[in-house]
């Protein structure tokens, strides 16, 4: 089908989308008027839309397509598993080879404390499962008062009925009666907004003190767990000082609360090592993963837990009674087969090593844009990064919401053939595939700089600059 022949079909799809398809985290009435950007193909780091435009994907889909698009071995793994065993329930003691091998592989590559794996279909489900297991754990060990959860301001832990309350972003609370009375937050460890951004230890000490103070306020006998991302993703790619994660793990242990690390975004090479926990030798009680587990090719996530948590739940139930948590698609064999092949590509296919090799080019490209009039901060670790746009570099003041700068940045970027995340508070997020080359980054930053320049050229944006 030629491009001109495809256009009527795209127009029909556009109308059907506006009429029927509910999009995640979108203003519904705005979408009805605006319509979708329909994607029709992808290869490597490139997306193709319905108009035939080629778009450089600097966000790996939604922080997930770590191995790039079009990896034929992943497609074959899915097809072969579909032919052999397209579905197998995990209920009634049934299992399948891919699920068994994936659980064992995840235990092998994850922090040593994690010995058991519950397979899910995504990050939100993984977080929801973690909460349910934590409640079950404390009830099993005779501490039923421990029902309160602490997370970080600007944190993101999915949008399930429970996880969206642990998420500390207003859009996920408004109209949903969240957060729950048992969900609490401590300040984000944000160096850019700290009194002294260079004093990493002071930022770490402040977080530890805040956790201790919140536990004291609630009563240690009432607090179940502390949830955190090693680097906060949807909250604006907040990169805490090195040593922060380790310090928070030690603080949680001292306070007798479970320590849960959400590596849905940071896992599978996104920050350099296989998991961000690895960089500081952190061993959590539970860990949630998804996204890069299958590189987004099919849905899958996992909740990993320590033997301490697993054994307490297993032994705390009445003899022979099932633990009442599960889903139809838990441990789906096709998803597990895809995950195993993606993990092979990370290790044997050199994808993880490539991501580590090109991380310096990515970081340098972001840092070079600090000289741009719109850019106040550059932050990154591995292939996860952000630029924060400010109206004043000296005061770090943002822009008036009336400028609608995030949507203008996203639209201009699209015109310039690049896709990234434009957060609502004037932060630009980047999560390129781990398959990027240095020349790919050259093109990415060329298009990103042009986008910044084009937006700055608008008179109202230029007039908003204060220094």
Protein backbone atom coordinates (compact mmCIF):
# COMPACT_ATOMS: atom_id res chain seq x y z
CA UNK A 1 0.00 0.00 0.00
CA UNK A 2 1.40 3.40 -1.02
CA UNK A 3 1.45 6.36 1.33
CA UNK A 4 -1.34 8.12 -0.56
CA UNK A 5 -3.47 4.95 -0.49
CA UNK A 6 -2.93 4.65 3.29
CA UNK A 7 -4.13 8.17 4.10
CA UNK A 8 -7.89 7.43 3.87
CA UNK A 9 -7.39 4.45 6.16
CA UNK A 10 -5.48 6.62 8.65
CA UNK A 11 -8.29 9.19 8.56
CA UNK A 12 -10.82 6.45 9.34
CA UNK A 13 -8.69 5.17 12.21
CA UNK A 14 -8.37 8.72 13.52
CA UNK A 15 -12.16 9.06 13.69
CA UNK A 16 -12.59 5.67 15.37
CA UNK A 17 -9.92 6.53 17.93
CA UNK A 18 -11.57 9.82 18.86
CA UNK A 19 -14.96 8.13 19.18
CA UNK A 20 -14.05 5.00 21.12
CA UNK A 21 -10.49 4.58 22.43
CA UNK A 22 -9.76 5.86 25.96
CA UNK A 23 -6.12 6.93 26.23
CA UNK A 24 -4.13 6.66 29.46
CA UNK A 25 -3.36 9.87 31.36
CA UNK A 26 -4.94 12.12 28.73
CA UNK A 27 -7.51 14.94 28.86
CA UNK A 28 -10.37 13.07 27.24
CA UNK A 29 -12.26 16.00 25.68
CA UNK A 30 -9.01 17.52 24.41
CA UNK A 31 -8.12 14.22 22.78
CA UNK A 32 -11.50 14.04 21.04
CA UNK A 33 -10.69 17.36 19.36
CA UNK A 34 -6.98 16.79 18.82
CA UNK A 35 -6.92 13.18 17.67
CA UNK A 36 -4.08 10.65 17.91
CA UNK A 37 -0.61 10.41 16.43
CA UNK A 38 -1.08 6.99 14.87
CA UNK A 39 2.10 4.91 14.68
CA UNK A 40 2.32 2.37 11.88
CA UNK A 41 5.83 0.93 12.17
CA UNK A 42 9.12 0.88 14.02
CA UNK A 43 12.68 -0.33 13.46
CA UNK A 44 15.76 0.14 15.61
CA UNK A 45 15.37 3.56 17.24
CA UNK A 46 12.90 4.87 14.65
CA UNK A 47 9.12 5.17 14.65
CA UNK A 48 6.95 5.70 11.57
CA UNK A 49 3.61 7.50 11.81
CA UNK A 50 0.54 7.32 9.61
CA UNK A 51 1.74 10.25 7.52
CA UNK A 52 5.01 8.48 6.77
CA UNK A 53 7.11 10.70 9.06
CA UNK A 54 10.20 9.13 10.63
CA UNK A 55 10.58 9.92 14.33
CA UNK A 56 13.70 9.34 16.40
CA UNK A 57 12.46 7.74 19.64
CA UNK A 58 14.46 9.23 22.52
CA UNK A 59 12.12 7.77 25.12
CA UNK A 60 12.12 4.04 24.24
CA UNK A 61 8.36 3.96 23.90
CA UNK A 62 7.47 4.61 27.53
CA UNK A 63 10.88 4.00 29.17
CA UNK A 64 10.63 0.37 28.04
CA UNK A 65 11.91 -0.57 24.54
CA UNK A 66 15.46 -0.99 25.83
CA UNK A 67 16.61 -3.38 23.07
CA UNK A 68 15.18 -1.24 20.28
CA UNK A 69 12.43 -2.09 17.81
CA UNK A 70 12.45 -5.00 15.40
CA UNK A 71 14.62 -7.55 17.22
CA UNK A 72 13.73 -10.62 15.18
CA UNK A 73 14.87 -13.11 17.82
CA UNK A 74 12.32 -11.67 20.24
CA UNK A 75 9.57 -11.98 17.65
CA UNK A 76 10.60 -15.60 17.01
CA UNK A 77 10.59 -16.42 20.72
CA UNK A 78 7.00 -15.21 20.97
CA UNK A 79 5.89 -17.02 17.81
CA UNK A 80 7.49 -20.33 18.79
CA UNK A 81 5.95 -20.22 22.25
CA UNK A 82 2.53 -19.40 20.77
CA UNK A 83 2.76 -22.45 18.56
CA UNK A 84 3.91 -24.75 21.34
CA UNK A 85 1.95 -23.53 24.37
CA UNK A 86 0.15 -20.19 23.94
CA UNK A 87 -1.32 -20.16 27.44
CA UNK A 88 -0.84 -21.96 30.73
CA UNK A 89 -2.47 -21.01 33.99
CA UNK A 90 -0.39 -20.77 37.12
CA UNK A 91 -3.37 -21.81 39.22
CA UNK A 92 -3.93 -25.36 40.59
CA UNK A 93 -0.13 -25.98 40.65
CA UNK A 94 0.18 -25.78 36.85
CA UNK A 95 3.31 -24.22 35.39
CA UNK A 96 5.28 -23.84 32.14
CA UNK A 97 8.95 -24.00 31.25
CA UNK A 98 9.34 -20.32 30.28
CA UNK A 99 7.81 -19.13 33.56
CA UNK A 100 9.98 -21.49 35.62
CA UNK A 101 13.17 -20.50 33.80
CA UNK A 102 12.32 -16.79 34.00
CA UNK A 103 11.75 -16.90 37.76
CA UNK A 104 15.10 -18.66 38.22
CA UNK A 105 16.85 -16.19 35.91
CA UNK A 106 15.44 -13.17 37.74
CA UNK A 107 16.65 -14.58 41.05
CA UNK A 108 20.09 -15.13 39.50
CA UNK A 109 20.50 -11.56 38.22
CA UNK A 110 18.73 -9.58 40.97
CA UNK A 111 20.07 -8.58 44.43
CA UNK A 112 20.92 -11.61 46.58
CA UNK A 113 18.15 -10.93 49.08
CA UNK A 114 15.49 -11.65 46.47
CA UNK A 115 14.77 -15.37 46.14
CA UNK A 116 11.13 -15.63 45.05
CA UNK A 117 9.24 -14.21 42.06
CA UNK A 118 5.58 -13.50 41.40
CA UNK A 119 5.07 -12.77 37.69
CA UNK A 120 2.60 -10.05 36.66
CA UNK A 121 1.60 -8.22 33.48
CA UNK A 122 3.06 -4.82 34.31
CA UNK A 123 4.44 -2.36 36.82
CA UNK A 124 1.16 -1.23 38.35
CA UNK A 125 0.17 -4.84 38.98
CA UNK A 126 3.60 -5.55 40.47
CA UNK A 127 3.21 -2.68 42.94
CA UNK A 128 -0.33 -3.73 43.81
CA UNK A 129 0.88 -7.29 44.46
CA UNK A 130 3.71 -5.98 46.64
CA UNK A 131 1.25 -4.07 48.82
CA UNK A 132 -0.99 -7.11 49.23
CA UNK A 133 1.97 -9.32 50.11
CA UNK A 134 3.22 -6.76 52.65
CA UNK A 135 -0.16 -6.65 54.39
CA UNK A 136 -0.26 -10.44 54.44
CA UNK A 137 3.30 -10.56 55.80
CA UNK A 138 2.67 -8.28 58.77
CA UNK A 139 -0.56 -10.06 59.63
CA UNK A 140 1.31 -13.38 59.46
CA UNK A 141 4.07 -12.29 61.87
CA UNK A 142 1.59 -10.95 64.41
CA UNK A 143 1.97 -7.24 63.68
CA UNK A 144 -1.47 -6.41 62.24
CA UNK A 145 -1.17 -2.75 63.18
CA UNK A 146 1.41 -2.18 60.46
CA UNK A 147 -0.85 -0.83 57.74
CA UNK A 148 0.73 2.55 56.86
CA UNK A 149 2.97 3.09 53.84
CA UNK A 150 5.50 5.84 53.19
CA UNK A 151 6.68 6.93 49.74
CA UNK A 152 8.41 9.96 48.19
CA UNK A 153 6.90 13.20 47.02
CA UNK A 154 6.97 13.20 43.19
CA UNK A 155 7.19 9.40 43.29
CA UNK A 156 5.40 7.16 40.81
CA UNK A 157 4.23 3.63 41.63
CA UNK A 158 1.61 3.00 38.98
CA UNK A 159 -2.09 3.77 38.74
CA UNK A 160 -3.85 0.85 40.37
CA UNK A 161 -6.41 1.66 43.07
CA UNK A 162 -3.67 1.27 45.69
CA UNK A 163 -0.52 2.14 43.78
CA UNK A 164 -1.90 5.46 42.56
CA UNK A 165 -2.04 6.54 46.20
CA UNK A 166 1.62 5.66 46.72
CA UNK A 167 2.21 7.71 43.58
CA UNK A 168 2.60 11.32 44.74
CA UNK A 169 1.53 13.20 41.62
CA UNK A 170 -1.71 15.23 41.88
CA UNK A 171 -3.19 14.12 38.54
CA UNK A 172 -3.33 10.52 39.80
CA UNK A 173 -5.19 11.58 42.95
CA UNK A 174 -7.69 14.14 41.68
CA UNK A 175 -11.19 12.70 41.60
CA UNK A 176 -10.03 9.23 42.74
CA UNK A 177 -10.28 9.84 46.51
CA UNK A 178 -6.55 9.37 46.94
CA UNK A 179 -4.23 9.18 48.75
CA UNK A 180 -5.67 6.79 51.28
CA UNK A 181 -5.38 7.66 54.98
CA UNK A 182 -2.65 5.00 55.25
CA UNK A 183 -0.45 6.56 52.53
CA UNK A 184 2.14 9.20 53.39
CA UNK A 185 5.09 11.00 51.78
CA UNK A 186 8.47 12.45 52.64
CA UNK A 187 10.31 15.07 50.51
CA UNK A 188 11.97 14.08 47.27
CA UNK A 189 15.81 13.99 47.35
CA UNK A 190 16.11 16.58 44.57
CA UNK A 191 19.62 18.07 44.37
CA UNK A 192 18.61 20.85 41.95
CA UNK A 193 16.05 22.19 44.42
CA UNK A 194 18.24 21.65 47.51
CA UNK A 195 19.83 24.54 49.43
CA UNK A 196 23.25 23.26 48.37
CA UNK A 197 22.98 20.97 45.33
CA UNK A 198 26.64 19.95 45.62
CA UNK A 199 26.30 18.68 49.20
CA UNK A 200 25.14 15.17 48.52
CA UNK A 201 25.58 14.01 52.09
CA UNK A 202 23.31 16.75 53.39
CA UNK A 203 20.60 15.65 50.94
CA UNK A 204 21.00 12.03 52.06
CA UNK A 205 20.93 13.01 55.74
CA UNK A 206 17.76 15.06 55.19
CA UNK A 207 15.99 12.08 53.60
CA UNK A 208 17.01 9.73 56.40
CA UNK A 209 15.85 12.27 58.99
CA UNK A 210 12.54 12.74 57.16
CA UNK A 211 11.89 8.99 57.10
CA UNK A 212 12.69 8.66 60.79
CA UNK A 213 10.46 11.63 61.62
CA UNK A 214 7.53 10.27 59.59
CA UNK A 215 7.82 6.85 61.23
CA UNK A 216 7.97 8.50 64.66
CA UNK A 217 4.90 10.58 63.80
CA UNK A 218 2.90 7.53 62.70
CA UNK A 219 4.36 5.13 65.26
CA UNK A 220 6.78 2.41 64.21
CA UNK A 221 4.21 -0.19 65.22
CA UNK A 222 1.90 1.21 62.50
CA UNK A 223 4.29 1.52 59.54
CA UNK A 224 4.51 -1.38 57.10
CA UNK A 225 6.97 -0.28 54.42
CA UNK A 226 8.84 2.45 52.59
CA UNK A 227 8.52 2.50 48.77
CA UNK A 228 11.00 4.34 46.55
CA UNK A 229 12.40 4.52 43.05
CA UNK A 230 16.23 4.64 42.89
CA UNK A 231 15.71 7.49 40.42
CA UNK A 232 12.27 9.08 40.30
CA UNK A 233 10.93 8.68 36.77
CA UNK A 234 7.55 10.27 36.11
CA UNK A 235 8.21 12.80 38.87
CA UNK A 236 10.79 14.42 36.59
CA UNK A 237 13.83 12.10 36.54
CA UNK A 238 15.05 13.13 39.99
CA UNK A 239 18.55 11.70 40.47
CA UNK A 240 19.50 11.52 44.17
CA UNK A 241 23.13 11.59 45.27
CA UNK A 242 25.04 8.32 45.14
CA UNK A 243 24.72 6.60 48.48
CA UNK A 244 21.13 7.73 49.00
CA UNK A 245 19.54 4.36 48.23
CA UNK A 246 21.92 2.51 50.56
CA UNK A 247 21.30 4.98 53.38
CA UNK A 248 17.54 4.66 53.03
CA UNK A 249 17.78 0.89 53.05
CA UNK A 250 19.78 0.99 56.29
CA UNK A 251 17.34 3.46 57.83
CA UNK A 252 14.36 1.26 56.97
CA UNK A 253 16.05 -1.77 58.51
CA UNK A 254 16.77 0.16 61.71
CA UNK A 255 13.15 1.33 61.85
CA UNK A 256 11.79 -2.22 61.39
CA UNK A 257 9.88 -1.42 58.21
CA UNK A 258 10.10 -3.24 54.89
CA UNK A 259 12.18 -1.60 52.15
CA UNK A 260 10.62 -1.81 48.67
CA UNK A 261 12.52 -0.66 45.59
CA UNK A 262 10.50 0.13 42.48
CA UNK A 263 12.81 -0.61 39.54
CA UNK A 264 10.06 -0.63 36.91
CA UNK A 265 11.89 2.16 35.05
CA UNK A 266 15.44 1.83 36.37
CA UNK A 267 15.83 -1.92 35.90
CA UNK A 268 17.45 -3.85 33.05
CA UNK A 269 20.36 -1.56 32.27
CA UNK A 270 18.52 1.74 32.18
CA UNK A 271 20.88 3.35 34.74
CA UNK A 272 23.98 1.31 33.81
CA UNK A 273 24.03 -1.97 35.75
CA UNK A 274 21.29 -4.57 35.40
CA UNK A 275 19.50 -2.96 38.35
CA UNK A 276 20.07 0.40 40.03
CA UNK A 277 20.33 -1.46 43.35
CA UNK A 278 23.51 -3.10 42.06
CA UNK A 279 25.40 0.20 41.97
CA UNK A 280 25.20 0.53 45.76
CA UNK A 281 24.96 -3.10 46.81
CA UNK A 282 21.41 -2.61 48.06
CA UNK A 283 19.37 -5.70 48.98
CA UNK A 284 15.67 -4.79 49.33
CA UNK A 285 12.92 -6.83 50.95
CA UNK A 286 10.83 -6.56 47.79
CA UNK A 287 11.47 -5.21 44.31
CA UNK A 288 9.06 -4.43 41.49
CA UNK A 289 10.08 -4.63 37.82
CA UNK A 290 8.42 -4.44 34.38
CA UNK A 291 9.07 -2.34 31.21
CA UNK A 292 12.59 -3.44 30.20
CA UNK A 293 11.85 -7.01 31.33
CA UNK A 294 10.30 -7.68 27.91
CA UNK A 295 11.49 -4.43 26.31
CA UNK A 296 7.81 -3.60 25.90
CA UNK A 297 7.28 -6.24 23.21
CA UNK A 298 4.58 -7.94 25.31
CA UNK A 299 3.18 -7.10 28.75
CA UNK A 300 4.99 -8.50 31.79
CA UNK A 301 6.23 -7.46 35.21
CA UNK A 302 7.35 -9.13 38.41
CA UNK A 303 7.31 -8.72 42.17
CA UNK A 304 10.46 -10.17 43.71
CA UNK A 305 10.61 -10.91 47.43
CA UNK A 306 13.06 -12.03 50.07
CA UNK A 307 12.93 -15.40 51.73
CA UNK A 308 12.04 -13.63 54.99
CA UNK A 309 8.84 -12.23 53.49
CA UNK A 310 8.03 -15.36 51.52
CA UNK A 311 8.51 -17.74 54.45
CA UNK A 312 6.41 -15.64 56.82
CA UNK A 313 3.51 -15.58 54.36
CA UNK A 314 3.87 -19.28 53.51
CA UNK A 315 4.02 -20.40 57.13
CA UNK A 316 1.49 -17.89 58.45
CA UNK A 317 -1.45 -19.23 56.46
CA UNK A 318 -3.60 -22.07 57.83
CA UNK A 319 -2.13 -25.43 56.84
CA UNK A 320 -3.06 -26.22 53.25
CA UNK A 321 -4.86 -22.91 52.68
CA UNK A 322 -4.06 -21.00 49.47
CA UNK A 323 -2.63 -17.47 49.53
CA UNK A 324 -5.48 -15.58 47.88
CA UNK A 325 -3.68 -13.52 45.28
CA UNK A 326 -3.44 -14.21 41.55
CA UNK A 327 -4.54 -13.30 38.04
CA UNK A 328 -5.49 -15.15 34.89
CA UNK A 329 -2.35 -14.05 33.08
CA UNK A 330 0.17 -14.43 35.92
CA UNK A 331 3.30 -16.15 34.55
CA UNK A 332 1.98 -16.06 30.98
CA UNK A 333 4.23 -18.40 28.95
CA UNK A 334 4.49 -16.15 25.88
CA UNK A 335 5.47 -13.13 27.94
CA UNK A 336 7.97 -15.25 29.86
CA UNK A 337 9.51 -16.59 26.64
CA UNK A 338 9.92 -13.05 25.34
CA UNK A 339 11.46 -11.93 28.64
CA UNK A 340 14.01 -14.74 28.53
CA UNK A 341 15.11 -13.74 25.04
CA UNK A 342 15.30 -10.06 25.97
CA UNK A 343 17.45 -10.94 29.00
CA UNK A 344 19.69 -12.97 26.68
CA UNK A 345 20.09 -9.93 24.42
CA UNK A 346 21.09 -7.79 27.41
CA UNK A 347 23.82 -10.21 28.43
CA UNK A 348 24.93 -12.32 25.45
CA UNK A 349 23.76 -9.87 22.78
CA UNK A 350 25.84 -7.01 24.19
CA UNK A 351 22.92 -4.63 24.70
CA UNK A 352 23.72 -3.96 28.36
CA UNK A 353 27.40 -3.36 27.56
CA UNK A 354 26.51 -1.00 24.72
CA UNK A 355 24.28 1.05 26.97
CA UNK A 356 27.11 1.40 29.46
CA UNK A 357 29.56 2.30 26.69
CA UNK A 358 27.50 5.15 25.21
CA UNK A 359 26.19 6.58 28.50
CA UNK A 360 28.95 9.20 28.59
CA UNK A 361 27.91 10.53 25.16
CA UNK A 362 24.32 10.79 26.37
CA UNK A 363 25.29 12.57 29.58
CA UNK A 364 27.65 14.95 27.79
CA UNK A 365 24.99 15.82 25.23
CA UNK A 366 22.56 16.78 27.98
CA UNK A 367 25.20 18.73 29.91
CA UNK A 368 26.18 20.67 26.78
CA UNK A 369 22.65 22.06 26.65
CA UNK A 370 23.08 23.77 30.04
CA UNK A 371 24.28 26.78 28.05
CA UNK A 372 20.90 27.08 26.32
CA UNK A 373 18.82 30.03 27.63
CA UNK A 374 15.88 27.76 28.51
CA UNK A 375 17.82 25.07 30.40
CA UNK A 376 18.40 25.30 34.13
CA UNK A 377 19.46 21.77 35.00
CA UNK A 378 20.80 18.63 33.34
CA UNK A 379 20.65 15.38 35.29
CA UNK A 380 21.28 11.80 34.27
CA UNK A 381 22.53 8.37 35.20
CA UNK A 382 23.19 5.71 32.61
CA UNK A 383 20.68 6.25 29.82
CA UNK A 384 18.07 7.97 31.97
CA UNK A 385 18.11 11.75 32.00
CA UNK A 386 16.29 15.06 32.00
CA UNK A 387 16.57 18.76 31.28
CA UNK A 388 14.68 21.18 33.52
CA UNK A 389 13.53 24.36 31.79
CA UNK A 390 13.49 27.57 33.82
CA UNK A 391 12.64 31.21 33.21
CA UNK A 392 15.53 32.29 35.46
CA UNK A 393 18.78 30.38 35.88
CA UNK A 394 19.66 32.39 38.97
CA UNK A 395 16.40 31.83 40.88
CA UNK A 396 15.48 28.51 39.20
CA UNK A 397 11.95 29.81 38.67
CA UNK A 398 9.77 27.89 36.24
CA UNK A 399 7.38 29.18 33.58
CA UNK A 400 3.80 30.32 33.92
CA UNK A 401 1.45 27.42 33.14
CA UNK A 402 -0.45 29.72 30.76
CA UNK A 403 2.46 29.44 28.31
CA UNK A 404 1.61 25.74 27.87
CA UNK A 405 5.32 25.13 27.39
CA UNK A 406 5.29 21.31 27.77
CA UNK A 407 2.72 20.80 24.99
CA UNK A 408 4.52 23.29 22.77
CA UNK A 409 7.81 21.48 23.35
CA UNK A 410 6.25 18.11 22.49
CA UNK A 411 4.55 19.43 19.35
CA UNK A 412 7.68 21.20 18.13
CA UNK A 413 9.77 18.11 18.79
CA UNK A 414 7.35 16.02 16.74
CA UNK A 415 7.69 18.44 13.84
CA UNK A 416 11.47 18.10 14.16
CA UNK A 417 11.29 14.30 14.07
CA UNK A 418 12.09 13.47 17.69
CA UNK A 419 9.99 12.03 20.52
CA UNK A 420 10.73 12.52 24.22
CA UNK A 421 8.72 13.17 27.39
CA UNK A 422 7.61 16.73 28.13
CA UNK A 423 6.43 16.70 31.73
CA UNK A 424 3.81 19.16 32.97
CA UNK A 425 6.30 21.12 35.07
CA UNK A 426 8.66 22.01 32.23
CA UNK A 427 10.97 19.01 32.59
CA UNK A 428 12.04 17.09 29.50
CA UNK A 429 12.66 13.37 30.05
CA UNK A 430 14.89 11.07 27.99
CA UNK A 431 15.29 7.29 28.04
CA UNK A 432 16.87 6.19 24.74
CA UNK A 433 17.18 2.53 23.82
CA UNK A 434 20.32 0.83 25.06
CA UNK A 435 21.12 0.14 21.39
CA UNK A 436 21.85 3.81 20.59
CA UNK A 437 25.22 4.58 19.02
CA UNK A 438 27.27 7.74 19.49
CA UNK A 439 26.21 8.90 16.02
CA UNK A 440 22.58 8.31 17.00
CA UNK A 441 23.13 10.64 19.94
CA UNK A 442 24.63 13.23 17.60
CA UNK A 443 21.40 13.27 15.61
CA UNK A 444 19.25 13.19 18.75
CA UNK A 445 20.92 16.24 20.28
CA UNK A 446 20.90 18.09 16.98
CA UNK A 447 17.12 17.69 16.81
CA UNK A 448 16.69 18.45 20.51
CA UNK A 449 18.67 21.69 20.25
CA UNK A 450 16.66 22.75 17.23
CA UNK A 451 13.47 22.10 19.20
CA UNK A 452 14.69 24.24 22.10
CA UNK A 453 15.72 26.99 19.67
CA UNK A 454 12.39 26.89 17.83
CA UNK A 455 10.40 27.19 21.07
CA UNK A 456 12.67 29.97 22.34
CA UNK A 457 12.06 31.89 19.11
CA UNK A 458 8.41 32.39 20.08
CA UNK A 459 8.04 35.98 21.34
CA UNK A 460 6.00 35.06 24.40
CA UNK A 461 8.56 32.45 25.48
CA UNK A 462 11.48 34.80 24.98
CA UNK A 463 9.63 37.51 26.88
CA UNK A 464 9.12 35.12 29.82
CA UNK A 465 12.85 34.81 30.41
CA UNK A 466 13.90 36.78 33.48
CA UNK A 467 17.67 36.76 33.06
